[in-house]
Amino acid sequence: MNMTVTDALGELVANPYRTLVVRWNWKSALFSSIIRALIFLFANLTAGWRAASGAMLAEFAYRAVTAGFYGAITQALRQAEPEWAACVAALVLLPLVSHSIELTVHLLRGTPKILASLIASVVFTALSTLFNLYAMRRGALVVGAGSDSVAGDLKRVPRLIAGFLAEGPLTVYRWMRRAQILTDRTAA
């Protein structure tokens, strides 16, 4: 049986403990907290080392706790069909939740370059969410039954990145081929 996006999101709401806590994605928490901490460090360097390191530590702490839940949401959507709807749901749901909380954290701590930091973080979220969904649909970066080790996942990353980057042009090519086939059929 195919799972729809509504089914996947319904499961998140109906069983939040199982889908968000038990399936807390520590791989997402690890990678996200490190990368995003660096984004906030570099975005705030012009405000001084102390401000930059404070922003970095705040982001690291926030993401170390929450990114596992966001990874669990992405993992829940990985089997939802159609694939484009799962991508749209992930691109709307995750940034809405994560960046609302992120903004609050950095407003409360007084992060000086908050606009630059958040813009960089939102752009990263869009790209990383799509990549993570792509990778998870192929069995990488998931936790729980049937998951691989971090080392096994990391070995697959170069091939996953290549496939992810090729996916857009391949999709456009498929659309163009379908349009050409339809045009040829109507002309015949």
Protein backbone atom coordinates (compact mmCIF):
# COMPACT_ATOMS: atom_id res chain seq x y z
CA MET A 1 0.00 0.00 0.00
CA ASN A 2 1.32 3.44 -0.93
CA MET A 3 1.48 6.08 1.76
CA THR A 4 0.26 9.57 0.94
CA VAL A 5 1.65 12.77 2.44
CA THR A 6 -1.59 13.05 4.41
CA ASP A 7 -1.04 9.53 5.79
CA ALA A 8 2.55 10.35 6.81
CA LEU A 9 1.57 13.63 8.49
CA GLY A 10 -1.43 11.94 10.12
CA GLU A 11 0.91 9.33 11.60
CA LEU A 12 3.09 12.12 13.01
CA VAL A 13 0.06 13.68 14.72
CA ALA A 14 -1.54 10.40 15.84
CA ASN A 15 1.68 8.87 17.22
CA PRO A 16 4.11 11.70 18.03
CA TYR A 17 6.03 9.69 20.63
CA ARG A 18 6.74 6.85 18.21
CA THR A 19 7.34 8.98 15.12
CA LEU A 20 9.29 11.84 16.70
CA VAL A 21 10.87 10.53 19.91
CA VAL A 22 11.51 6.84 19.21
CA ARG A 23 12.58 7.68 15.63
CA TRP A 24 14.55 10.79 16.68
CA ASN A 25 17.16 10.98 13.92
CA TRP A 26 20.52 11.38 15.64
CA LYS A 27 22.29 11.48 12.27
CA SER A 28 20.32 14.60 11.34
CA ALA A 29 21.06 16.10 14.77
CA LEU A 30 24.79 15.44 14.41
CA PHE A 31 25.26 16.78 10.89
CA SER A 32 22.80 19.67 11.16
CA SER A 33 24.15 21.02 14.44
CA ILE A 34 27.73 21.07 13.16
CA ILE A 35 26.97 22.62 9.77
CA ARG A 36 24.49 25.21 11.08
CA ALA A 37 26.79 26.20 13.93
CA LEU A 38 29.43 26.99 11.31
CA ILE A 39 26.90 28.99 9.26
CA PHE A 40 26.11 31.16 12.30
CA LEU A 41 29.81 31.49 13.19
CA PHE A 42 30.75 32.79 9.73
CA ALA A 43 27.63 34.95 9.33
CA ASN A 44 28.47 36.74 12.59
CA LEU A 45 32.27 37.10 12.32
CA THR A 46 32.01 40.75 11.28
CA ALA A 47 30.36 41.46 14.67
CA GLY A 48 33.44 40.11 16.44
CA TRP A 49 34.73 36.77 17.61
CA ARG A 50 32.76 36.78 20.84
CA ALA A 51 29.43 37.49 19.11
CA ALA A 52 30.18 34.93 16.40
CA SER A 53 31.14 32.20 18.84
CA GLY A 54 28.04 32.95 20.96
CA ALA A 55 25.79 32.66 17.90
CA MET A 56 27.58 29.46 16.92
CA LEU A 57 27.13 27.87 20.35
CA ALA A 58 23.47 28.91 20.56
CA GLU A 59 22.77 27.40 17.13
CA PHE A 60 24.71 24.24 17.94
CA ALA A 61 22.76 23.71 21.17
CA TYR A 62 19.41 24.45 19.50
CA ARG A 63 20.06 22.14 16.54
CA ALA A 64 21.63 19.36 18.61
CA VAL A 65 18.29 19.04 20.41
CA THR A 66 15.80 19.78 17.64
CA ALA A 67 17.34 18.57 14.37
CA GLY A 68 16.70 14.96 15.33
CA PHE A 69 12.96 15.72 15.39
CA TYR A 70 13.17 17.45 11.99
CA GLY A 71 15.07 14.43 10.66
CA ALA A 72 12.33 12.17 12.02
CA ILE A 73 9.73 14.24 10.14
CA THR A 74 11.76 13.99 6.94
CA GLN A 75 12.19 10.25 7.48
CA ALA A 76 8.42 9.90 7.96
CA LEU A 77 7.86 11.64 4.61
CA ARG A 78 10.41 9.56 2.69
CA GLN A 79 7.89 6.91 1.66
CA ALA A 80 5.03 9.30 0.90
CA GLU A 81 3.76 9.50 -2.65
CA PRO A 82 3.73 11.36 -4.91
CA GLU A 83 7.35 12.30 -4.35
CA TRP A 84 6.80 15.94 -5.35
CA ALA A 85 4.09 16.31 -2.66
CA ALA A 86 6.45 14.92 0.00
CA CYS A 87 9.07 17.47 -1.12
CA VAL A 88 6.57 20.33 -0.92
CA ALA A 89 5.34 19.21 2.51
CA ALA A 90 8.91 18.97 3.81
CA LEU A 91 9.84 22.36 2.30
CA VAL A 92 6.87 24.05 3.98
CA LEU A 93 6.59 22.21 7.29
CA LEU A 94 10.24 21.99 8.35
CA PRO A 95 11.29 25.60 7.69
CA LEU A 96 8.09 26.97 9.19
CA VAL A 97 8.65 25.11 12.46
CA SER A 98 12.44 25.18 12.69
CA HIS A 99 13.05 28.77 11.66
CA SER A 100 10.28 30.15 13.86
CA ILE A 101 11.98 28.58 16.86
CA GLU A 102 15.43 29.49 15.56
CA LEU A 103 14.42 33.15 15.21
CA THR A 104 13.16 33.17 18.80
CA VAL A 105 16.39 31.59 20.11
CA HIS A 106 18.57 34.15 18.37
CA LEU A 107 16.34 37.12 19.24
CA LEU A 108 16.50 36.11 22.90
CA ARG A 109 20.28 35.75 22.86
CA GLY A 110 20.80 38.94 20.83
CA THR A 111 22.55 37.50 17.79
CA PRO A 112 23.88 40.61 16.01
CA LYS A 113 23.75 39.47 12.36
CA ILE A 114 20.42 37.71 12.69
CA LEU A 115 19.11 38.55 9.21
CA ALA A 116 22.21 37.27 7.40
CA SER A 117 22.31 34.24 9.69
CA LEU A 118 18.66 33.35 9.10
CA ILE A 119 18.82 33.86 5.34
CA ALA A 120 21.81 31.53 5.14
CA SER A 121 20.05 29.05 7.43
CA VAL A 122 16.80 29.10 5.41
CA VAL A 123 18.68 28.56 2.14
CA PHE A 124 20.58 25.70 3.75
CA THR A 125 17.32 24.25 5.07
CA ALA A 126 15.76 24.21 1.60
CA LEU A 127 18.75 22.46 0.06
CA SER A 128 19.43 20.10 2.95
CA THR A 129 15.76 19.12 3.33
CA LEU A 130 15.52 18.19 -0.34
CA PHE A 131 18.85 16.34 -0.20
CA ASN A 132 17.95 14.51 3.02
CA LEU A 133 14.58 13.46 1.59
CA TYR A 134 16.35 12.26 -1.57
CA ALA A 135 18.95 10.34 0.46
CA MET A 136 16.37 8.88 2.86
CA ARG A 137 14.24 7.65 -0.04
CA ARG A 138 17.34 5.68 -1.03
CA GLY A 139 17.91 4.30 2.48
CA ALA A 140 20.71 6.63 3.61
CA LEU A 141 20.75 8.91 6.67
CA VAL A 142 17.86 7.01 8.26
CA VAL A 143 17.81 5.56 11.77
CA GLY A 144 16.09 2.48 13.11
CA ALA A 145 15.51 -0.90 11.53
CA GLY A 146 17.37 -1.42 8.28
CA SER A 147 19.57 1.66 8.66
CA ASP A 148 23.25 1.72 7.85
CA SER A 149 26.07 3.04 10.04
CA VAL A 150 27.22 6.66 9.73
CA ALA A 151 30.36 5.38 7.97
CA GLY A 152 28.23 3.44 5.50
CA ASP A 153 26.06 6.49 4.88
CA LEU A 154 29.10 8.73 4.40
CA LYS A 155 30.55 6.32 1.82
CA ARG A 156 27.34 6.75 -0.18
CA VAL A 157 27.25 10.57 0.05
CA PRO A 158 29.31 11.36 -3.10
CA ARG A 159 27.04 9.14 -5.24
CA LEU A 160 23.95 10.57 -3.53
CA ILE A 161 25.10 14.14 -4.18
CA ALA A 162 25.71 13.32 -7.85
CA GLY A 163 22.28 11.74 -8.17
CA PHE A 164 20.64 14.63 -6.32
CA LEU A 165 22.27 17.20 -8.60
CA ALA A 166 21.27 15.22 -11.69
CA GLU A 167 17.65 14.78 -10.53
CA GLY A 168 16.54 18.31 -11.55
CA PRO A 169 17.87 18.19 -15.11
CA LEU A 170 16.62 14.60 -15.52
CA THR A 171 13.13 15.62 -14.39
CA VAL A 172 13.08 18.51 -16.87
CA TYR A 173 14.26 16.14 -19.60
CA ARG A 174 11.47 13.65 -18.76
CA TRP A 175 8.87 16.44 -18.87
CA MET A 176 10.19 17.62 -22.24
CA ARG A 177 10.13 14.04 -23.62
CA ARG A 178 6.51 13.56 -22.41
CA ALA A 179 5.50 16.88 -23.93
CA GLN A 180 7.18 15.91 -27.23
CA ILE A 181 5.47 12.50 -27.24
CA LEU A 182 2.10 14.16 -26.61
CA THR A 183 2.77 16.69 -29.34
CA ASP A 184 3.78 13.90 -31.75
CA ARG A 185 0.61 11.95 -30.93
CA THR A 186 -1.70 14.91 -31.48
CA ALA A 187 0.08 15.79 -34.73
CA ALA A 188 -0.34 12.25 -36.08
